[in-house]
Every structure is written in C-alpha cells, then in structure tokens.
C-alpha cells in the first residue's frame, strides 16, 4: 500500500472517530482522545512504522569504520538459524551494503512474529567497539532487527543476508560444547 493511501486511511479513521464522537454527544476531549486511539491503531497496523520515517540503527557507532561483521547462530542447537557456524564478513561491498541498510531502518513494534530464521549479528569497528543485534526473518512482518535500545524493521536487510549466506532453509547449528 502506498504512503498516500495510508495517509488517506488515517484521515478517514480520524473523520469516523469525529463523527462517532459527535453522535454519542461526548465532550470534545473524549472524542479527541478516541480519535487519537483510532489513529494510533491504524498507524500501527496499516503503516507499520513508515509514518515515523527511517532511522539510523547504528548511530551509536558514530561513523566509525566497520572492519568486520560476524554472523553467528543465535543459540547453540537452535533449529531456525540463518547460519550453522560463525561467518566473518570482511568484504568491503558486503559491509557497506549492510551498514547502509542498518542506517535506513523503520521503527517497529512486532507482536510476537513467527520466525523463519534468525541470526546474531555483530559489527566490529576499527577501534574495537562492537554492536550486537539479533536479526529475525518473520513469516508476516519481514525482517526485524532487535537491538538493546530498540526494535527496527528492514525488509532489504533480510534479503541481503539470505543472498550472501546462500540461505535456502533454516539450519540446525551444533555449536554446543557438550558432545555425547
């Protein structure tokens, strides 16, 4: 759905809320609060964060040079990993593309999405600062990026990670230290 249609849906929701507020003869404050609830509801389900624009998820790194990106299984013996072992991405093109995608994420509030795959991604800078995040590809909501401070969405990031890891289906990682 285009952004124009989404904004029209939000405007329509506001008009409906206003008309309902007048019909039940509530005070202006009550219908205003009701209208705000309707707009918030619609913006969450129809707009999925795009009304708030794009954000830089890795702003905390303050433009430091990223020398390596590590993709790891999110947990030992987990059956929905993107990768089955640690992968170090040091190719300049891959690092730049992932960095660009993380600088243009959307705000997002997932409601218990079902994972297709997940991975732990660590960005390492030339000053040895690190930023760790969990990336999930979900059934309905695209790609969700979980960071210590926020949750983001970036459909292109999931597609790119699948491309560079040659993803075909979730993998079982056997990275546990105990063997029987």
C-alpha atoms as a PDB file:
ATOM      1  CA  UNK A   1       0.000   0.000   0.000  1.00  0.00           C
ATOM      2  CA  UNK A   2       1.454   3.404  -0.962  1.00  0.00           C
ATOM      3  CA  UNK A   3       2.105   6.085   1.636  1.00  0.00           C
ATOM      4  CA  UNK A   4      -0.602   8.289   0.112  1.00  0.00           C
ATOM      5  CA  UNK A   5      -3.243   5.611   0.586  1.00  0.00           C
ATOM      6  CA  UNK A   6      -2.029   5.010   4.138  1.00  0.00           C
ATOM      7  CA  UNK A   7      -2.380   8.688   4.970  1.00  0.00           C
ATOM      8  CA  UNK A   8      -5.891   8.741   3.485  1.00  0.00           C
ATOM      9  CA  UNK A   9      -6.801   5.735   5.641  1.00  0.00           C
ATOM     10  CA  UNK A  10      -5.547   7.605   8.715  1.00  0.00           C
ATOM     11  CA  UNK A  11      -7.549  10.705   7.736  1.00  0.00           C
ATOM     12  CA  UNK A  12     -10.656   8.587   7.186  1.00  0.00           C
ATOM     13  CA  UNK A  13     -10.171   6.996  10.626  1.00  0.00           C
ATOM     14  CA  UNK A  14      -9.956  10.454  12.178  1.00  0.00           C
ATOM     15  CA  UNK A  15     -13.174  11.593  10.435  1.00  0.00           C
ATOM     16  CA  UNK A  16     -15.000   8.443  11.533  1.00  0.00           C
ATOM     17  CA  UNK A  17     -13.817   8.947  15.097  1.00  0.00           C
ATOM     18  CA  UNK A  18     -15.019  12.573  14.990  1.00  0.00           C
ATOM     19  CA  UNK A  19     -18.445  11.573  13.649  1.00  0.00           C
ATOM     20  CA  UNK A  20     -18.818   8.833  16.243  1.00  0.00           C
ATOM     21  CA  UNK A  21     -17.823  11.278  18.953  1.00  0.00           C
ATOM     22  CA  UNK A  22     -20.495  13.742  17.843  1.00  0.00           C
ATOM     23  CA  UNK A  23     -23.131  11.023  17.586  1.00  0.00           C
ATOM     24  CA  UNK A  24     -22.640   9.870  21.178  1.00  0.00           C
ATOM     25  CA  UNK A  25     -22.537  13.533  22.271  1.00  0.00           C
ATOM     26  CA  UNK A  26     -19.407  13.249  24.266  1.00  0.00           C
ATOM     27  CA  UNK A  27     -17.220  16.161  25.260  1.00  0.00           C
ATOM     28  CA  UNK A  28     -14.630  17.398  22.736  1.00  0.00           C
ATOM     29  CA  UNK A  29     -11.866  15.972  24.923  1.00  0.00           C
ATOM     30  CA  UNK A  30     -13.431  12.486  24.850  1.00  0.00           C
ATOM     31  CA  UNK A  31     -13.815  12.350  21.057  1.00  0.00           C
ATOM     32  CA  UNK A  32     -10.329  13.769  20.601  1.00  0.00           C
ATOM     33  CA  UNK A  33      -8.862  11.007  22.765  1.00  0.00           C
ATOM     34  CA  UNK A  34     -10.971   8.443  20.923  1.00  0.00           C
ATOM     35  CA  UNK A  35      -9.728   9.818  17.566  1.00  0.00           C
ATOM     36  CA  UNK A  36      -6.108   9.612  18.732  1.00  0.00           C
ATOM     37  CA  UNK A  37      -6.597   5.971  19.754  1.00  0.00           C
ATOM     38  CA  UNK A  38      -8.063   5.179  16.321  1.00  0.00           C
ATOM     39  CA  UNK A  39      -5.184   6.950  14.538  1.00  0.00           C
ATOM     40  CA  UNK A  40      -2.602   5.124  16.678  1.00  0.00           C
ATOM     41  CA  UNK A  41      -4.317   1.796  15.972  1.00  0.00           C
ATOM     42  CA  UNK A  42      -4.400   2.422  12.227  1.00  0.00           C
ATOM     43  CA  UNK A  43      -0.841   3.703  12.089  1.00  0.00           C
ATOM     44  CA  UNK A  44       0.397   0.550  13.836  1.00  0.00           C
ATOM     45  CA  UNK A  45      -1.443  -1.946  11.635  1.00  0.00           C
ATOM     46  CA  UNK A  46      -1.576  -0.171   8.286  1.00  0.00           C
ATOM     47  CA  UNK A  47       1.556   1.912   8.231  1.00  0.00           C
ATOM     48  CA  UNK A  48       3.937  -0.360  10.192  1.00  0.00           C
ATOM     49  CA  UNK A  49       6.239   2.452  11.231  1.00  0.00           C
ATOM     50  CA  UNK A  50       6.670   4.226   7.909  1.00  0.00           C
ATOM     51  CA  UNK A  51       4.787   7.263   9.202  1.00  0.00           C
ATOM     52  CA  UNK A  52       7.695   7.817  11.581  1.00  0.00           C
ATOM     53  CA  UNK A  53      10.298   7.714   8.796  1.00  0.00           C
ATOM     54  CA  UNK A  54      13.650   5.993   8.630  1.00  0.00           C
ATOM     55  CA  UNK A  55      16.212   5.900  11.422  1.00  0.00           C
ATOM     56  CA  UNK A  56      19.896   5.131  11.779  1.00  0.00           C
ATOM     57  CA  UNK A  57      20.037   1.955  13.889  1.00  0.00           C
ATOM     58  CA  UNK A  58      23.830   2.109  14.182  1.00  0.00           C
ATOM     59  CA  UNK A  59      24.134   5.788  15.062  1.00  0.00           C
ATOM     60  CA  UNK A  60      25.773   4.770  18.329  1.00  0.00           C
ATOM     61  CA  UNK A  61      28.902   3.827  16.351  1.00  0.00           C
ATOM     62  CA  UNK A  62      29.246   7.497  15.299  1.00  0.00           C
ATOM     63  CA  UNK A  63      30.543   6.832  11.769  1.00  0.00           C
ATOM     64  CA  UNK A  64      33.407   4.632  12.969  1.00  0.00           C
ATOM     65  CA  UNK A  65      34.822   2.319  10.337  1.00  0.00           C
ATOM     66  CA  UNK A  66      33.296  -1.151  10.492  1.00  0.00           C
ATOM     67  CA  UNK A  67      36.105  -3.583   9.791  1.00  0.00           C
ATOM     68  CA  UNK A  68      34.164  -6.807  10.208  1.00  0.00           C
ATOM     69  CA  UNK A  69      30.637  -8.139  10.534  1.00  0.00           C
ATOM     70  CA  UNK A  70      30.101 -11.513  12.162  1.00  0.00           C
ATOM     71  CA  UNK A  71      27.033 -13.660  11.608  1.00  0.00           C
ATOM     72  CA  UNK A  72      26.542 -16.367  14.212  1.00  0.00           C
ATOM     73  CA  UNK A  73      23.908 -18.918  15.111  1.00  0.00           C
ATOM     74  CA  UNK A  74      21.625 -17.153  17.565  1.00  0.00           C
ATOM     75  CA  UNK A  75      21.827 -20.062  20.014  1.00  0.00           C
ATOM     76  CA  UNK A  76      23.534 -23.454  20.125  1.00  0.00           C
ATOM     77  CA  UNK A  77      21.375 -26.320  18.897  1.00  0.00           C
ATOM     78  CA  UNK A  78      18.701 -23.916  17.671  1.00  0.00           C
ATOM     79  CA  UNK A  79      16.859 -25.150  14.586  1.00  0.00           C
ATOM     80  CA  UNK A  80      15.983 -21.789  12.974  1.00  0.00           C
ATOM     81  CA  UNK A  81      19.424 -20.293  12.451  1.00  0.00           C
ATOM     82  CA  UNK A  82      20.364 -18.407   9.288  1.00  0.00           C
ATOM     83  CA  UNK A  83      23.892 -19.821   9.576  1.00  0.00           C
ATOM     84  CA  UNK A  84      25.110 -23.026  11.176  1.00  0.00           C
ATOM     85  CA  UNK A  85      28.552 -21.687  12.126  1.00  0.00           C
ATOM     86  CA  UNK A  86      30.268 -18.343  12.656  1.00  0.00           C
ATOM     87  CA  UNK A  87      30.758 -16.397   9.426  1.00  0.00           C
ATOM     88  CA  UNK A  88      33.051 -13.367   9.197  1.00  0.00           C
ATOM     89  CA  UNK A  89      32.135 -10.822   6.550  1.00  0.00           C
ATOM     90  CA  UNK A  90      35.104  -8.655   5.679  1.00  0.00           C
ATOM     91  CA  UNK A  91      34.281  -7.955   2.023  1.00  0.00           C
ATOM     92  CA  UNK A  92      34.021  -4.177   1.631  1.00  0.00           C
ATOM     93  CA  UNK A  93      30.902  -4.375  -0.565  1.00  0.00           C
ATOM     94  CA  UNK A  94      29.020  -6.571   1.936  1.00  0.00           C
ATOM     95  CA  UNK A  95      29.994  -4.372   4.905  1.00  0.00           C
ATOM     96  CA  UNK A  96      28.944  -1.191   3.105  1.00  0.00           C
ATOM     97  CA  UNK A  97      25.595  -2.616   1.983  1.00  0.00           C
ATOM     98  CA  UNK A  98      24.690  -3.956   5.437  1.00  0.00           C
ATOM     99  CA  UNK A  99      25.766  -0.639   7.009  1.00  0.00           C
ATOM    100  CA  UNK A 100      23.603   1.304   4.530  1.00  0.00           C
ATOM    101  CA  UNK A 101      20.601  -0.905   5.257  1.00  0.00           C
ATOM    102  CA  UNK A 102      21.028  -0.505   9.022  1.00  0.00           C
ATOM    103  CA  UNK A 103      21.173   3.279   8.596  1.00  0.00           C
ATOM    104  CA  UNK A 104      17.720   3.279   6.973  1.00  0.00           C
ATOM    105  CA  UNK A 105      15.546   1.106   9.202  1.00  0.00           C
ATOM    106  CA  UNK A 106      11.937   1.741  10.177  1.00  0.00           C
ATOM    107  CA  UNK A 107      10.634   1.934  13.718  1.00  0.00           C
ATOM    108  CA  UNK A 108       8.671  -1.175  14.516  1.00  0.00           C
ATOM    109  CA  UNK A 109       6.718  -2.868  17.288  1.00  0.00           C
ATOM    110  CA  UNK A 110       6.365  -6.552  16.485  1.00  0.00           C
ATOM    111  CA  UNK A 111       3.547  -8.538  18.034  1.00  0.00           C
ATOM    112  CA  UNK A 112       5.111 -11.942  18.547  1.00  0.00           C
ATOM    113  CA  UNK A 113       6.146 -12.665  14.947  1.00  0.00           C
ATOM    114  CA  UNK A 114       6.817 -16.268  13.939  1.00  0.00           C
ATOM    115  CA  UNK A 115      10.454 -16.694  12.869  1.00  0.00           C
ATOM    116  CA  UNK A 116      11.599 -18.287   9.655  1.00  0.00           C
ATOM    117  CA  UNK A 117      15.259 -17.785  10.569  1.00  0.00           C
ATOM    118  CA  UNK A 118      17.358 -15.717  12.955  1.00  0.00           C
ATOM    119  CA  UNK A 119      20.998 -14.791  13.394  1.00  0.00           C
ATOM    120  CA  UNK A 120      23.177 -12.929  15.846  1.00  0.00           C
ATOM    121  CA  UNK A 121      24.988 -10.125  14.003  1.00  0.00           C
ATOM    122  CA  UNK A 122      27.993  -8.315  15.499  1.00  0.00           C
ATOM    123  CA  UNK A 123      29.507  -5.184  13.965  1.00  0.00           C
ATOM    124  CA  UNK A 124      33.156  -4.608  14.920  1.00  0.00           C
ATOM    125  CA  UNK A 125      34.807  -1.221  14.383  1.00  0.00           C
ATOM    126  CA  UNK A 126      38.441  -0.314  13.859  1.00  0.00           C
ATOM    127  CA  UNK A 127      38.542   0.930  17.485  1.00  0.00           C
ATOM    128  CA  UNK A 128      37.262  -2.499  18.632  1.00  0.00           C
ATOM    129  CA  UNK A 129      33.833  -1.145  19.594  1.00  0.00           C
ATOM    130  CA  UNK A 130      31.100  -3.670  18.938  1.00  0.00           C
ATOM    131  CA  UNK A 131      27.373  -3.560  18.389  1.00  0.00           C
ATOM    132  CA  UNK A 132      25.399  -6.793  18.732  1.00  0.00           C
ATOM    133  CA  UNK A 133      21.904  -7.349  17.364  1.00  0.00           C
ATOM    134  CA  UNK A 134      19.559 -10.235  16.643  1.00  0.00           C
ATOM    135  CA  UNK A 135      18.007 -10.328  13.173  1.00  0.00           C
ATOM    136  CA  UNK A 136      14.799 -12.327  12.533  1.00  0.00           C
ATOM    137  CA  UNK A 137      13.136 -13.042   9.222  1.00  0.00           C
ATOM    138  CA  UNK A 138       9.457 -13.482  10.081  1.00  0.00           C
ATOM    139  CA  UNK A 139       6.509 -15.076   8.340  1.00  0.00           C
ATOM    140  CA  UNK A 140       4.367 -11.943   8.040  1.00  0.00           C
ATOM    141  CA  UNK A 141       6.374  -8.936   9.142  1.00  0.00           C
ATOM    142  CA  UNK A 142       9.568  -9.116   7.075  1.00  0.00           C
ATOM    143  CA  UNK A 143      12.905  -8.616   8.772  1.00  0.00           C
ATOM    144  CA  UNK A 144      13.034  -7.434  12.384  1.00  0.00           C
ATOM    145  CA  UNK A 145      16.259  -6.164  13.976  1.00  0.00           C
ATOM    146  CA  UNK A 146      16.411  -6.396  17.780  1.00  0.00           C
ATOM    147  CA  UNK A 147      18.953  -4.162  19.463  1.00  0.00           C
ATOM    148  CA  UNK A 148      19.486  -3.324  23.128  1.00  0.00           C
ATOM    149  CA  UNK A 149      17.797   0.065  22.690  1.00  0.00           C
ATOM    150  CA  UNK A 150      15.076  -0.548  20.100  1.00  0.00           C
ATOM    151  CA  UNK A 151      13.367  -2.781  17.566  1.00  0.00           C
ATOM    152  CA  UNK A 152      13.664  -1.963  13.867  1.00  0.00           C
ATOM    153  CA  UNK A 153      12.396  -3.327  10.578  1.00  0.00           C
ATOM    154  CA  UNK A 154      14.244  -3.611   7.258  1.00  0.00           C
ATOM    155  CA  UNK A 155      12.945  -5.910   4.544  1.00  0.00           C
ATOM    156  CA  UNK A 156      16.037  -5.385   2.389  1.00  0.00           C
ATOM    157  CA  UNK A 157      18.438  -6.429   5.168  1.00  0.00           C
ATOM    158  CA  UNK A 158      16.909  -9.907   5.420  1.00  0.00           C
ATOM    159  CA  UNK A 159      17.001 -10.364   1.651  1.00  0.00           C
ATOM    160  CA  UNK A 160      20.650  -9.285   1.526  1.00  0.00           C
ATOM    161  CA  UNK A 161      21.702 -11.586   4.389  1.00  0.00           C
ATOM    162  CA  UNK A 162      19.974 -14.502   2.655  1.00  0.00           C
ATOM    163  CA  UNK A 163      21.861 -13.683  -0.543  1.00  0.00           C
ATOM    164  CA  UNK A 164      25.350 -13.528   0.988  1.00  0.00           C
ATOM    165  CA  UNK A 165      24.840 -16.643   3.136  1.00  0.00           C
ATOM    166  CA  UNK A 166      23.209 -18.590   0.277  1.00  0.00           C
ATOM    167  CA  UNK A 167      20.222 -19.297   2.520  1.00  0.00           C
ATOM    168  CA  UNK A 168      17.772 -21.975   1.412  1.00  0.00           C
ATOM    169  CA  UNK A 169      16.189 -23.057   4.702  1.00  0.00           C
ATOM    170  CA  UNK A 170      16.847 -22.682   8.442  1.00  0.00           C
ATOM    171  CA  UNK A 171      19.845 -24.663   9.636  1.00  0.00           C
ATOM    172  CA  UNK A 172      20.499 -26.635  12.761  1.00  0.00           C
ATOM    173  CA  UNK A 173      23.673 -25.432  14.407  1.00  0.00           C
ATOM    174  CA  UNK A 174      25.616 -27.802  16.545  1.00  0.00           C
ATOM    175  CA  UNK A 175      27.827 -25.349  18.376  1.00  0.00           C
ATOM    176  CA  UNK A 176      27.398 -26.816  21.813  1.00  0.00           C
ATOM    177  CA  UNK A 177      30.474 -27.776  23.785  1.00  0.00           C
ATOM    178  CA  UNK A 178      28.977 -30.988  25.137  1.00  0.00           C
ATOM    179  CA  UNK A 179      29.091 -33.990  22.857  1.00  0.00           C
ATOM    180  CA  UNK A 180      27.613 -37.414  23.541  1.00  0.00           C
END
